[in-house]
């Protein structure tokens, strides 16, 4: 479990609670910038901070630390990134030949086509 994955779960729990970053930060006694960095995985999060976040958001601490069994082999960003999900849904409607063209384009953009 990385700080980035924990951060995504903090953001998800915050949004489910209907709180803005400013509101949650005020309840936690930290700045909005610090909370943003926690959610982005850019700032180290200590256990006592995670415990406080857990209490305020009404989630067990294990919610932030555990990976669900069926998600272990899937990159977390695929499960939560709406743009990637839209791309996957769109690709699912293409023919096999069209999907191969899309894949070739992605590989070209990533530099594999050189």
C-alpha atoms as a PDB file:
ATOM      1  CA  UNK A   1       0.000   0.000   0.000  1.00  0.00           C
ATOM      2  CA  UNK A   2       1.541   3.307  -1.086  1.00  0.00           C
ATOM      3  CA  UNK A   3       0.886   6.824   0.193  1.00  0.00           C
ATOM      4  CA  UNK A   4      -0.766   7.532  -3.136  1.00  0.00           C
ATOM      5  CA  UNK A   5      -3.222   4.654  -2.697  1.00  0.00           C
ATOM      6  CA  UNK A   6      -4.004   5.743   0.851  1.00  0.00           C
ATOM      7  CA  UNK A   7      -4.488   9.282  -0.420  1.00  0.00           C
ATOM      8  CA  UNK A   8      -7.013   8.128  -3.013  1.00  0.00           C
ATOM      9  CA  UNK A   9      -8.964   6.401  -0.277  1.00  0.00           C
ATOM     10  CA  UNK A  10      -8.884   9.528   1.889  1.00  0.00           C
ATOM     11  CA  UNK A  11     -10.231  11.557  -1.026  1.00  0.00           C
ATOM     12  CA  UNK A  12     -12.939   8.996  -1.737  1.00  0.00           C
ATOM     13  CA  UNK A  13     -14.024   8.850   1.909  1.00  0.00           C
ATOM     14  CA  UNK A  14     -14.004  12.658   2.127  1.00  0.00           C
ATOM     15  CA  UNK A  15     -16.181  12.958  -0.971  1.00  0.00           C
ATOM     16  CA  UNK A  16     -18.550  10.260   0.324  1.00  0.00           C
ATOM     17  CA  UNK A  17     -18.862  12.290   3.528  1.00  0.00           C
ATOM     18  CA  UNK A  18     -19.750  15.354   1.447  1.00  0.00           C
ATOM     19  CA  UNK A  19     -16.798  17.375   2.710  1.00  0.00           C
ATOM     20  CA  UNK A  20     -14.524  19.736   0.825  1.00  0.00           C
ATOM     21  CA  UNK A  21     -10.795  19.655   1.446  1.00  0.00           C
ATOM     22  CA  UNK A  22     -11.137  22.898   3.396  1.00  0.00           C
ATOM     23  CA  UNK A  23     -13.859  21.463   5.647  1.00  0.00           C
ATOM     24  CA  UNK A  24     -11.982  18.244   6.379  1.00  0.00           C
ATOM     25  CA  UNK A  25      -8.709  20.094   6.952  1.00  0.00           C
ATOM     26  CA  UNK A  26     -10.429  22.359   9.490  1.00  0.00           C
ATOM     27  CA  UNK A  27     -11.819  19.320  11.342  1.00  0.00           C
ATOM     28  CA  UNK A  28      -8.383  17.685  11.327  1.00  0.00           C
ATOM     29  CA  UNK A  29      -6.568  20.822  12.425  1.00  0.00           C
ATOM     30  CA  UNK A  30      -4.310  20.972   9.372  1.00  0.00           C
ATOM     31  CA  UNK A  31      -4.116  23.164   6.303  1.00  0.00           C
ATOM     32  CA  UNK A  32      -5.966  22.479   3.087  1.00  0.00           C
ATOM     33  CA  UNK A  33      -2.576  22.270   1.348  1.00  0.00           C
ATOM     34  CA  UNK A  34      -1.407  19.543   3.746  1.00  0.00           C
ATOM     35  CA  UNK A  35      -4.610  17.555   3.175  1.00  0.00           C
ATOM     36  CA  UNK A  36      -4.234  17.953  -0.578  1.00  0.00           C
ATOM     37  CA  UNK A  37      -0.704  16.566  -0.343  1.00  0.00           C
ATOM     38  CA  UNK A  38      -1.967  13.608   1.711  1.00  0.00           C
ATOM     39  CA  UNK A  39      -4.604  12.873  -0.926  1.00  0.00           C
ATOM     40  CA  UNK A  40      -2.022  13.107  -3.716  1.00  0.00           C
ATOM     41  CA  UNK A  41       0.428  10.887  -1.838  1.00  0.00           C
ATOM     42  CA  UNK A  42       3.029  13.649  -1.830  1.00  0.00           C
ATOM     43  CA  UNK A  43       3.290  13.971   1.926  1.00  0.00           C
ATOM     44  CA  UNK A  44       4.158  11.293   4.469  1.00  0.00           C
ATOM     45  CA  UNK A  45       1.166  10.297   6.549  1.00  0.00           C
ATOM     46  CA  UNK A  46       1.812   9.067  10.062  1.00  0.00           C
ATOM     47  CA  UNK A  47      -0.373   6.586  11.901  1.00  0.00           C
ATOM     48  CA  UNK A  48      -1.700   9.148  14.389  1.00  0.00           C
ATOM     49  CA  UNK A  49      -2.764  11.391  11.478  1.00  0.00           C
ATOM     50  CA  UNK A  50      -4.445   8.486   9.726  1.00  0.00           C
ATOM     51  CA  UNK A  51      -6.240   7.556  12.954  1.00  0.00           C
ATOM     52  CA  UNK A  52      -7.604  11.103  13.226  1.00  0.00           C
ATOM     53  CA  UNK A  53      -8.720  11.055   9.583  1.00  0.00           C
ATOM     54  CA  UNK A  54     -10.360   7.693  10.202  1.00  0.00           C
ATOM     55  CA  UNK A  55     -12.339   9.030  13.179  1.00  0.00           C
ATOM     56  CA  UNK A  56     -13.446  12.217  11.440  1.00  0.00           C
ATOM     57  CA  UNK A  57     -14.565  10.374   8.291  1.00  0.00           C
ATOM     58  CA  UNK A  58     -16.199   7.532  10.212  1.00  0.00           C
ATOM     59  CA  UNK A  59     -14.168   4.807   8.539  1.00  0.00           C
ATOM     60  CA  UNK A  60     -12.162   2.050  10.211  1.00  0.00           C
ATOM     61  CA  UNK A  61      -8.435   2.573   9.820  1.00  0.00           C
ATOM     62  CA  UNK A  62      -8.260  -0.690   7.894  1.00  0.00           C
ATOM     63  CA  UNK A  63     -10.343   0.963   5.151  1.00  0.00           C
ATOM     64  CA  UNK A  64      -7.311   3.099   4.297  1.00  0.00           C
ATOM     65  CA  UNK A  65      -4.714   0.331   4.644  1.00  0.00           C
ATOM     66  CA  UNK A  66      -6.247  -2.763   3.093  1.00  0.00           C
ATOM     67  CA  UNK A  67      -6.442  -3.688  -0.564  1.00  0.00           C
ATOM     68  CA  UNK A  68      -9.512  -5.607  -1.596  1.00  0.00           C
ATOM     69  CA  UNK A  69      -8.652  -9.051  -2.928  1.00  0.00           C
ATOM     70  CA  UNK A  70     -10.193  -8.479  -6.345  1.00  0.00           C
ATOM     71  CA  UNK A  71      -8.252  -5.213  -6.837  1.00  0.00           C
ATOM     72  CA  UNK A  72      -4.779  -6.505  -6.034  1.00  0.00           C
ATOM     73  CA  UNK A  73      -3.894  -7.302  -9.627  1.00  0.00           C
ATOM     74  CA  UNK A  74      -5.471  -4.149 -11.073  1.00  0.00           C
ATOM     75  CA  UNK A  75      -3.718  -0.785 -11.026  1.00  0.00           C
ATOM     76  CA  UNK A  76      -5.681   1.429  -8.633  1.00  0.00           C
ATOM     77  CA  UNK A  77      -5.846   4.335 -11.090  1.00  0.00           C
ATOM     78  CA  UNK A  78      -7.878   2.195 -13.507  1.00  0.00           C
ATOM     79  CA  UNK A  79     -10.525   1.712 -10.868  1.00  0.00           C
ATOM     80  CA  UNK A  80     -10.960   5.382 -10.000  1.00  0.00           C
ATOM     81  CA  UNK A  81      -9.872   7.484 -12.977  1.00  0.00           C
ATOM     82  CA  UNK A  82     -13.013   8.504 -14.904  1.00  0.00           C
ATOM     83  CA  UNK A  83     -11.041   9.381 -18.033  1.00  0.00           C
ATOM     84  CA  UNK A  84      -9.385   5.964 -18.201  1.00  0.00           C
ATOM     85  CA  UNK A  85     -12.722   4.268 -17.611  1.00  0.00           C
ATOM     86  CA  UNK A  86     -14.275   6.293 -20.449  1.00  0.00           C
ATOM     87  CA  UNK A  87     -11.408   5.285 -22.740  1.00  0.00           C
ATOM     88  CA  UNK A  88     -11.863   1.625 -21.839  1.00  0.00           C
ATOM     89  CA  UNK A  89     -15.626   1.790 -22.358  1.00  0.00           C
ATOM     90  CA  UNK A  90     -15.128   3.451 -25.733  1.00  0.00           C
ATOM     91  CA  UNK A  91     -12.529   0.913 -26.791  1.00  0.00           C
ATOM     92  CA  UNK A  92     -14.855  -1.931 -25.845  1.00  0.00           C
ATOM     93  CA  UNK A  93     -17.256  -0.738 -28.557  1.00  0.00           C
ATOM     94  CA  UNK A  94     -14.594  -0.853 -31.286  1.00  0.00           C
ATOM     95  CA  UNK A  95     -13.828  -3.754 -33.566  1.00  0.00           C
ATOM     96  CA  UNK A  96     -10.687  -5.789 -32.911  1.00  0.00           C
ATOM     97  CA  UNK A  97      -8.921  -4.073 -35.800  1.00  0.00           C
ATOM     98  CA  UNK A  98      -9.857  -0.627 -34.466  1.00  0.00           C
ATOM     99  CA  UNK A  99      -8.633  -1.585 -30.978  1.00  0.00           C
ATOM    100  CA  UNK A 100      -5.304  -2.683 -32.484  1.00  0.00           C
ATOM    101  CA  UNK A 101      -5.021   0.738 -34.151  1.00  0.00           C
ATOM    102  CA  UNK A 102      -5.729   2.454 -30.817  1.00  0.00           C
ATOM    103  CA  UNK A 103      -3.095   0.299 -29.123  1.00  0.00           C
ATOM    104  CA  UNK A 104      -0.582   1.113 -31.876  1.00  0.00           C
ATOM    105  CA  UNK A 105      -1.286   4.811 -31.345  1.00  0.00           C
ATOM    106  CA  UNK A 106      -0.780   4.489 -27.572  1.00  0.00           C
ATOM    107  CA  UNK A 107       2.481   2.645 -28.091  1.00  0.00           C
ATOM    108  CA  UNK A 108       3.590   5.323 -30.548  1.00  0.00           C
ATOM    109  CA  UNK A 109       2.758   8.076 -28.043  1.00  0.00           C
ATOM    110  CA  UNK A 110       4.681   6.249 -25.311  1.00  0.00           C
ATOM    111  CA  UNK A 111       7.739   6.062 -27.575  1.00  0.00           C
ATOM    112  CA  UNK A 112       7.583   2.376 -28.462  1.00  0.00           C
ATOM    113  CA  UNK A 113       7.044   3.148 -32.108  1.00  0.00           C
ATOM    114  CA  UNK A 114      10.571   4.450 -32.604  1.00  0.00           C
END
